[in-house]
Amino acid sequence: MNDAIVVRLNGEECPCRAGLSLEALLEERGYRPRLVVVEYNGALLPRQQWPNQPVVESDVIEVVTIVGGGS
């Protein structure tokens, strides 16, 4: 992969293209951005910042899927 970087996604090394936004990375990995919460380098990142947040080498990203339900 040319111009690749490695980030840590949910505890695992994840190679990806350099220059992606956080939102683009999530979409490439099959996440539906409306249904997840993201911790980016130890802080919860508001959804409206995802399109403008560049993903860079060694970032640590934790994605939690929102599950609906209830009684």
PDB file of N, CA and C in Angstrom:
ATOM      1  N   MET A   1       0.860  -1.174   0.000  1.00  0.00           N
ATOM      2  CA  MET A   1       0.000   0.000   0.000  1.00  0.00           C
ATOM      3  C   MET A   1       0.903   1.232   0.000  1.00  0.00           C
ATOM      4  N   ASN A   2       0.858   2.030  -1.079  1.00  0.00           N
ATOM      5  CA  ASN A   2       1.665   3.246  -1.159  1.00  0.00           C
ATOM      6  C   ASN A   2       1.066   4.322  -0.278  1.00  0.00           C
ATOM      7  N   ASP A   3       1.945   5.150   0.296  1.00  0.00           N
ATOM      8  CA  ASP A   3       1.502   6.229   1.172  1.00  0.00           C
ATOM      9  C   ASP A   3       0.582   5.703   2.267  1.00  0.00           C
ATOM     10  N   ALA A   4       0.975   4.601   2.851  1.00  0.00           N
ATOM     11  CA  ALA A   4       0.168   3.994   3.909  1.00  0.00           C
ATOM     12  C   ALA A   4       0.673   4.436   5.276  1.00  0.00           C
ATOM     13  N   ILE A   5      -0.251   4.474   6.205  1.00  0.00           N
ATOM     14  CA  ILE A   5       0.072   4.717   7.602  1.00  0.00           C
ATOM     15  C   ILE A   5      -0.526   3.577   8.410  1.00  0.00           C
ATOM     16  N   VAL A   6      -0.135   3.488   9.667  1.00  0.00           N
ATOM     17  CA  VAL A   6      -0.704   2.474  10.558  1.00  0.00           C
ATOM     18  C   VAL A   6      -1.284   3.187  11.768  1.00  0.00           C
ATOM     19  N   VAL A   7      -2.545   2.907  12.037  1.00  0.00           N
ATOM     20  CA  VAL A   7      -3.211   3.417  13.232  1.00  0.00           C
ATOM     21  C   VAL A   7      -3.612   2.223  14.087  1.00  0.00           C
ATOM     22  N   ARG A   8      -3.990   2.470  15.308  1.00  0.00           N
ATOM     23  CA  ARG A   8      -4.501   1.405  16.177  1.00  0.00           C
ATOM     24  C   ARG A   8      -6.007   1.592  16.240  1.00  0.00           C
ATOM     25  N   LEU A   9      -6.736   0.625  15.714  1.00  0.00           N
ATOM     26  CA  LEU A   9      -8.193   0.678  15.651  1.00  0.00           C
ATOM     27  C   LEU A   9      -8.749  -0.458  16.492  1.00  0.00           C
ATOM     28  N   ASN A  10      -9.451  -0.107  17.565  1.00  0.00           N
ATOM     29  CA  ASN A  10     -10.011  -1.100  18.487  1.00  0.00           C
ATOM     30  C   ASN A  10      -8.962  -2.105  18.954  1.00  0.00           C
ATOM     31  N   GLY A  11      -7.784  -1.577  19.285  1.00  0.00           N
ATOM     32  CA  GLY A  11      -6.738  -2.399  19.870  1.00  0.00           C
ATOM     33  C   GLY A  11      -5.855  -3.151  18.896  1.00  0.00           C
ATOM     34  N   GLU A  12      -6.105  -3.020  17.594  1.00  0.00           N
ATOM     35  CA  GLU A  12      -5.312  -3.747  16.602  1.00  0.00           C
ATOM     36  C   GLU A  12      -4.691  -2.777  15.616  1.00  0.00           C
ATOM     37  N   GLU A  13      -3.484  -3.123  15.144  1.00  0.00           N
ATOM     38  CA  GLU A  13      -2.864  -2.307  14.118  1.00  0.00           C
ATOM     39  C   GLU A  13      -3.693  -2.368  12.851  1.00  0.00           C
ATOM     40  N   CYS A  14      -3.881  -1.213  12.239  1.00  0.00           N
ATOM     41  CA  CYS A  14      -4.750  -1.107  11.071  1.00  0.00           C
ATOM     42  C   CYS A  14      -4.055  -0.249  10.011  1.00  0.00           C
ATOM     43  N   PRO A  15      -3.544  -0.870   8.946  1.00  0.00           N
ATOM     44  CA  PRO A  15      -2.966  -0.065   7.874  1.00  0.00           C
ATOM     45  C   PRO A  15      -4.074   0.635   7.105  1.00  0.00           C
ATOM     46  N   CYS A  16      -3.820   1.877   6.704  1.00  0.00           N
ATOM     47  CA  CYS A  16      -4.791   2.606   5.898  1.00  0.00           C
ATOM     48  C   CYS A  16      -4.064   3.629   5.038  1.00  0.00           C
ATOM     49  N   ARG A  17      -4.781   4.182   4.088  1.00  0.00           N
ATOM     50  CA  ARG A  17      -4.202   5.197   3.208  1.00  0.00           C
ATOM     51  C   ARG A  17      -3.922   6.474   3.984  1.00  0.00           C
ATOM     52  N   ALA A  18      -2.825   7.104   3.694  1.00  0.00           N
ATOM     53  CA  ALA A  18      -2.525   8.409   4.279  1.00  0.00           C
ATOM     54  C   ALA A  18      -3.497   9.433   3.719  1.00  0.00           C
ATOM     55  N   GLY A  19      -3.821  10.428   4.527  1.00  0.00           N
ATOM     56  CA  GLY A  19      -4.663  11.527   4.061  1.00  0.00           C
ATOM     57  C   GLY A  19      -6.147  11.346   4.291  1.00  0.00           C
ATOM     58  N   LEU A  20      -6.547  10.236   4.908  1.00  0.00           N
ATOM     59  CA  LEU A  20      -7.968  10.019   5.171  1.00  0.00           C
ATOM     60  C   LEU A  20      -8.433  10.879   6.343  1.00  0.00           C
ATOM     61  N   SER A  21      -9.695  11.269   6.285  1.00  0.00           N
ATOM     62  CA  SER A  21     -10.321  11.859   7.472  1.00  0.00           C
ATOM     63  C   SER A  21     -10.807  10.720   8.350  1.00  0.00           C
ATOM     64  N   LEU A  22     -11.120  11.039   9.581  1.00  0.00           N
ATOM     65  CA  LEU A  22     -11.654  10.019  10.480  1.00  0.00           C
ATOM     66  C   LEU A  22     -12.943   9.437   9.903  1.00  0.00           C
ATOM     67  N   GLU A  23     -13.801  10.279   9.381  1.00  0.00           N
ATOM     68  CA  GLU A  23     -15.062   9.800   8.797  1.00  0.00           C
ATOM     69  C   GLU A  23     -14.807   8.845   7.630  1.00  0.00           C
ATOM     70  N   ALA A  24     -13.852   9.186   6.753  1.00  0.00           N
ATOM     71  CA  ALA A  24     -13.538   8.326   5.608  1.00  0.00           C
ATOM     72  C   ALA A  24     -12.963   6.983   6.068  1.00  0.00           C
ATOM     73  N   LEU A  25     -12.115   7.002   7.092  1.00  0.00           N
ATOM     74  CA  LEU A  25     -11.564   5.753   7.626  1.00  0.00           C
ATOM     75  C   LEU A  25     -12.679   4.859   8.148  1.00  0.00           C
ATOM     76  N   LEU A  26     -13.595   5.436   8.899  1.00  0.00           N
ATOM     77  CA  LEU A  26     -14.704   4.654   9.440  1.00  0.00           C
ATOM     78  C   LEU A  26     -15.523   4.024   8.316  1.00  0.00           C
ATOM     79  N   GLU A  27     -15.812   4.811   7.294  1.00  0.00           N
ATOM     80  CA  GLU A  27     -16.598   4.290   6.171  1.00  0.00           C
ATOM     81  C   GLU A  27     -15.845   3.183   5.437  1.00  0.00           C
ATOM     82  N   GLU A  28     -14.529   3.367   5.229  1.00  0.00           N
ATOM     83  CA  GLU A  28     -13.733   2.332   4.559  1.00  0.00           C
ATOM     84  C   GLU A  28     -13.713   1.035   5.348  1.00  0.00           C
ATOM     85  N   ARG A  29     -13.786   1.129   6.671  1.00  0.00           N
ATOM     86  CA  ARG A  29     -13.764  -0.055   7.527  1.00  0.00           C
ATOM     87  C   ARG A  29     -15.149  -0.639   7.759  1.00  0.00           C
ATOM     88  N   GLY A  30     -16.159  -0.084   7.089  1.00  0.00           N
ATOM     89  CA  GLY A  30     -17.493  -0.664   7.149  1.00  0.00           C
ATOM     90  C   GLY A  30     -18.378  -0.170   8.271  1.00  0.00           C
ATOM     91  N   TYR A  31     -17.931   0.860   8.983  1.00  0.00           N
ATOM     92  CA  TYR A  31     -18.762   1.420  10.045  1.00  0.00           C
ATOM     93  C   TYR A  31     -19.759   2.403   9.440  1.00  0.00           C
ATOM     94  N   ARG A  32     -20.926   2.454  10.028  1.00  0.00           N
ATOM     95  CA  ARG A  32     -21.922   3.460   9.652  1.00  0.00           C
ATOM     96  C   ARG A  32     -21.783   4.591  10.653  1.00  0.00           C
ATOM     97  N   PRO A  33     -21.191   5.715  10.244  1.00  0.00           N
ATOM     98  CA  PRO A  33     -20.876   6.786  11.189  1.00  0.00           C
ATOM     99  C   PRO A  33     -22.034   7.238  12.073  1.00  0.00           C
ATOM    100  N   ARG A  34     -23.251   7.127  11.612  1.00  0.00           N
ATOM    101  CA  ARG A  34     -24.395   7.551  12.439  1.00  0.00           C
ATOM    102  C   ARG A  34     -24.655   6.599  13.596  1.00  0.00           C
ATOM    103  N   LEU A  35     -24.052   5.395  13.539  1.00  0.00           N
ATOM    104  CA  LEU A  35     -24.343   4.378  14.542  1.00  0.00           C
ATOM    105  C   LEU A  35     -23.156   4.055  15.449  1.00  0.00           C
ATOM    106  N   VAL A  36     -22.149   4.948  15.476  1.00  0.00           N
ATOM    107  CA  VAL A  36     -20.990   4.686  16.320  1.00  0.00           C
ATOM    108  C   VAL A  36     -20.609   5.925  17.129  1.00  0.00           C
ATOM    109  N   VAL A  37     -19.863   5.682  18.187  1.00  0.00           N
ATOM    110  CA  VAL A  37     -19.236   6.720  18.998  1.00  0.00           C
ATOM    111  C   VAL A  37     -17.740   6.458  18.893  1.00  0.00           C
ATOM    112  N   VAL A  38     -16.942   7.526  18.788  1.00  0.00           N
ATOM    113  CA  VAL A  38     -15.511   7.353  18.582  1.00  0.00           C
ATOM    114  C   VAL A  38     -14.705   8.033  19.682  1.00  0.00           C
ATOM    115  N   GLU A  39     -13.765   7.259  20.236  1.00  0.00           N
ATOM    116  CA  GLU A  39     -12.747   7.821  21.116  1.00  0.00           C
ATOM    117  C   GLU A  39     -11.489   7.940  20.265  1.00  0.00           C
ATOM    118  N   TYR A  40     -11.012   9.168  20.134  1.00  0.00           N
ATOM    119  CA  TYR A  40      -9.874   9.464  19.278  1.00  0.00           C
ATOM    120  C   TYR A  40      -8.717   9.930  20.150  1.00  0.00           C
ATOM    121  N   ASN A  41      -7.668   9.137  20.216  1.00  0.00           N
ATOM    122  CA  ASN A  41      -6.497   9.449  21.049  1.00  0.00           C
ATOM    123  C   ASN A  41      -6.894   9.786  22.483  1.00  0.00           C
ATOM    124  N   GLY A  42      -7.820   8.991  23.020  1.00  0.00           N
ATOM    125  CA  GLY A  42      -8.180   9.106  24.424  1.00  0.00           C
ATOM    126  C   GLY A  42      -9.309  10.064  24.753  1.00  0.00           C
ATOM    127  N   ALA A  43      -9.864  10.738  23.766  1.00  0.00           N
ATOM    128  CA  ALA A  43     -10.963  11.683  24.022  1.00  0.00           C
ATOM    129  C   ALA A  43     -12.131  11.399  23.085  1.00  0.00           C
ATOM    130  N   LEU A  44     -13.344  11.536  23.615  1.00  0.00           N
ATOM    131  CA  LEU A  44     -14.515  11.410  22.745  1.00  0.00           C
ATOM    132  C   LEU A  44     -14.512  12.577  21.765  1.00  0.00           C
ATOM    133  N   LEU A  45     -14.658  12.256  20.488  1.00  0.00           N
ATOM    134  CA  LEU A  45     -14.617  13.286  19.458  1.00  0.00           C
ATOM    135  C   LEU A  45     -16.018  13.493  18.911  1.00  0.00           C
ATOM    136  N   PRO A  46     -16.535  14.726  18.974  1.00  0.00           N
ATOM    137  CA  PRO A  46     -17.880  14.988  18.450  1.00  0.00           C
ATOM    138  C   PRO A  46     -17.986  14.634  16.966  1.00  0.00           C
ATOM    139  N   ARG A  47     -19.095  14.041  16.592  1.00  0.00           N
ATOM    140  CA  ARG A  47     -19.333  13.574  15.223  1.00  0.00           C
ATOM    141  C   ARG A  47     -19.103  14.669  14.177  1.00  0.00           C
ATOM    142  N   GLN A  48     -19.475  15.907  14.476  1.00  0.00           N
ATOM    143  CA  GLN A  48     -19.332  16.974  13.486  1.00  0.00           C
ATOM    144  C   GLN A  48     -17.864  17.277  13.164  1.00  0.00           C
ATOM    145  N   GLN A  49     -16.931  16.808  13.988  1.00  0.00           N
ATOM    146  CA  GLN A  49     -15.506  17.030  13.719  1.00  0.00           C
ATOM    147  C   GLN A  49     -14.887  15.927  12.861  1.00  0.00           C
ATOM    148  N   TRP A  50     -15.545  14.798  12.710  1.00  0.00           N
ATOM    149  CA  TRP A  50     -14.976  13.658  12.008  1.00  0.00           C
ATOM    150  C   TRP A  50     -14.560  13.963  10.565  1.00  0.00           C
ATOM    151  N   PRO A  51     -15.380  14.687   9.778  1.00  0.00           N
ATOM    152  CA  PRO A  51     -14.971  14.932   8.383  1.00  0.00           C
ATOM    153  C   PRO A  51     -13.691  15.759   8.271  1.00  0.00           C
ATOM    154  N   ASN A  52     -13.397  16.575   9.263  1.00  0.00           N
ATOM    155  CA  ASN A  52     -12.235  17.460   9.202  1.00  0.00           C
ATOM    156  C   ASN A  52     -11.061  16.979  10.045  1.00  0.00           C
ATOM    157  N   GLN A  53     -11.213  15.821  10.696  1.00  0.00           N
ATOM    158  CA  GLN A  53     -10.144  15.301  11.544  1.00  0.00           C
ATOM    159  C   GLN A  53      -9.252  14.376  10.728  1.00  0.00           C
ATOM    160  N   PRO A  54      -8.023  14.803  10.405  1.00  0.00           N
ATOM    161  CA  PRO A  54      -7.133  13.903   9.663  1.00  0.00           C
ATOM    162  C   PRO A  54      -6.663  12.753  10.550  1.00  0.00           C
ATOM    163  N   VAL A  55      -6.537  11.597   9.952  1.00  0.00           N
ATOM    164  CA  VAL A  55      -6.000  10.431  10.644  1.00  0.00           C
ATOM    165  C   VAL A  55      -4.521  10.363  10.298  1.00  0.00           C
ATOM    166  N   VAL A  56      -3.674  10.272  11.329  1.00  0.00           N
ATOM    167  CA  VAL A  56      -2.231  10.262  11.103  1.00  0.00           C
ATOM    168  C   VAL A  56      -1.598   9.040  11.768  1.00  0.00           C
ATOM    169  N   GLU A  57      -0.381   8.760  11.374  1.00  0.00           N
ATOM    170  CA  GLU A  57       0.375   7.621  11.898  1.00  0.00           C
ATOM    171  C   GLU A  57       0.297   7.564  13.420  1.00  0.00           C
ATOM    172  N   SER A  58       0.035   6.383  13.940  1.00  0.00           N
ATOM    173  CA  SER A  58       0.016   6.075  15.369  1.00  0.00           C
ATOM    174  C   SER A  58      -1.201   6.597  16.133  1.00  0.00           C
ATOM    175  N   ASP A  59      -2.207   7.139  15.442  1.00  0.00           N
ATOM    176  CA  ASP A  59      -3.443   7.507  16.142  1.00  0.00           C
ATOM    177  C   ASP A  59      -4.045   6.263  16.785  1.00  0.00           C
ATOM    178  N   VAL A  60      -4.746   6.467  17.894  1.00  0.00           N
ATOM    179  CA  VAL A  60      -5.437   5.385  18.584  1.00  0.00           C
ATOM    180  C   VAL A  60      -6.928   5.700  18.542  1.00  0.00           C
ATOM    181  N   ILE A  61      -7.678   4.813  17.892  1.00  0.00           N
ATOM    182  CA  ILE A  61      -9.099   5.035  17.654  1.00  0.00           C
ATOM    183  C   ILE A  61      -9.878   3.850  18.209  1.00  0.00           C
ATOM    184  N   GLU A  62     -10.844   4.145  19.056  1.00  0.00           N
ATOM    185  CA  GLU A  62     -11.739   3.117  19.576  1.00  0.00           C
ATOM    186  C   GLU A  62     -13.136   3.445  19.066  1.00  0.00           C
ATOM    187  N   VAL A  63     -13.771   2.463  18.463  1.00  0.00           N
ATOM    188  CA  VAL A  63     -15.113   2.658  17.901  1.00  0.00           C
ATOM    189  C   VAL A  63     -16.087   1.788  18.689  1.00  0.00           C
ATOM    190  N   VAL A  64     -17.135   2.403  19.189  1.00  0.00           N
ATOM    191  CA  VAL A  64     -18.176   1.696  19.915  1.00  0.00           C
ATOM    192  C   VAL A  64     -19.458   1.802  19.108  1.00  0.00           C
ATOM    193  N   THR A  65     -20.031   0.653  18.760  1.00  0.00           N
ATOM    194  CA  THR A  65     -21.278   0.634  18.009  1.00  0.00           C
ATOM    195  C   THR A  65     -22.458   0.834  18.937  1.00  0.00           C
ATOM    196  N   ILE A  66     -23.350   1.714  18.534  1.00  0.00           N
ATOM    197  CA  ILE A  66     -24.562   1.978  19.302  1.00  0.00           C
ATOM    198  C   ILE A  66     -25.572   0.882  18.956  1.00  0.00           C
ATOM    199  N   VAL A  67     -26.089   0.233  19.984  1.00  0.00           N
ATOM    200  CA  VAL A  67     -27.057  -0.843  19.780  1.00  0.00           C
ATOM    201  C   VAL A  67     -28.406  -0.377  20.328  1.00  0.00           C
ATOM    202  N   GLY A  68     -29.397  -0.405  19.469  1.00  0.00           N
ATOM    203  CA  GLY A  68     -30.753  -0.027  19.903  1.00  0.00           C
ATOM    204  C   GLY A  68     -31.444  -1.207  20.539  1.00  0.00           C
ATOM    205  N   GLY A  69     -32.553  -0.929  21.145  1.00  0.00           N
ATOM    206  CA  GLY A  69     -33.322  -2.006  21.758  1.00  0.00           C
ATOM    207  C   GLY A  69     -34.038  -1.523  22.980  1.00  0.00           C
ATOM    208  N   GLY A  70     -34.444  -2.442  23.755  1.00  0.00           N
ATOM    209  CA  GLY A  70     -35.146  -2.109  24.974  1.00  0.00           C
ATOM    210  C   GLY A  70     -36.496  -2.802  25.014  1.00  0.00           C
ATOM    211  N   SER A  71     -37.211  -2.554  26.055  1.00  0.00           N
ATOM    212  CA  SER A  71     -38.505  -3.215  26.221  1.00  0.00           C
ATOM    213  C   SER A  71     -39.624  -2.260  25.929  1.00  0.00           C
TER     214      SER A  71
END
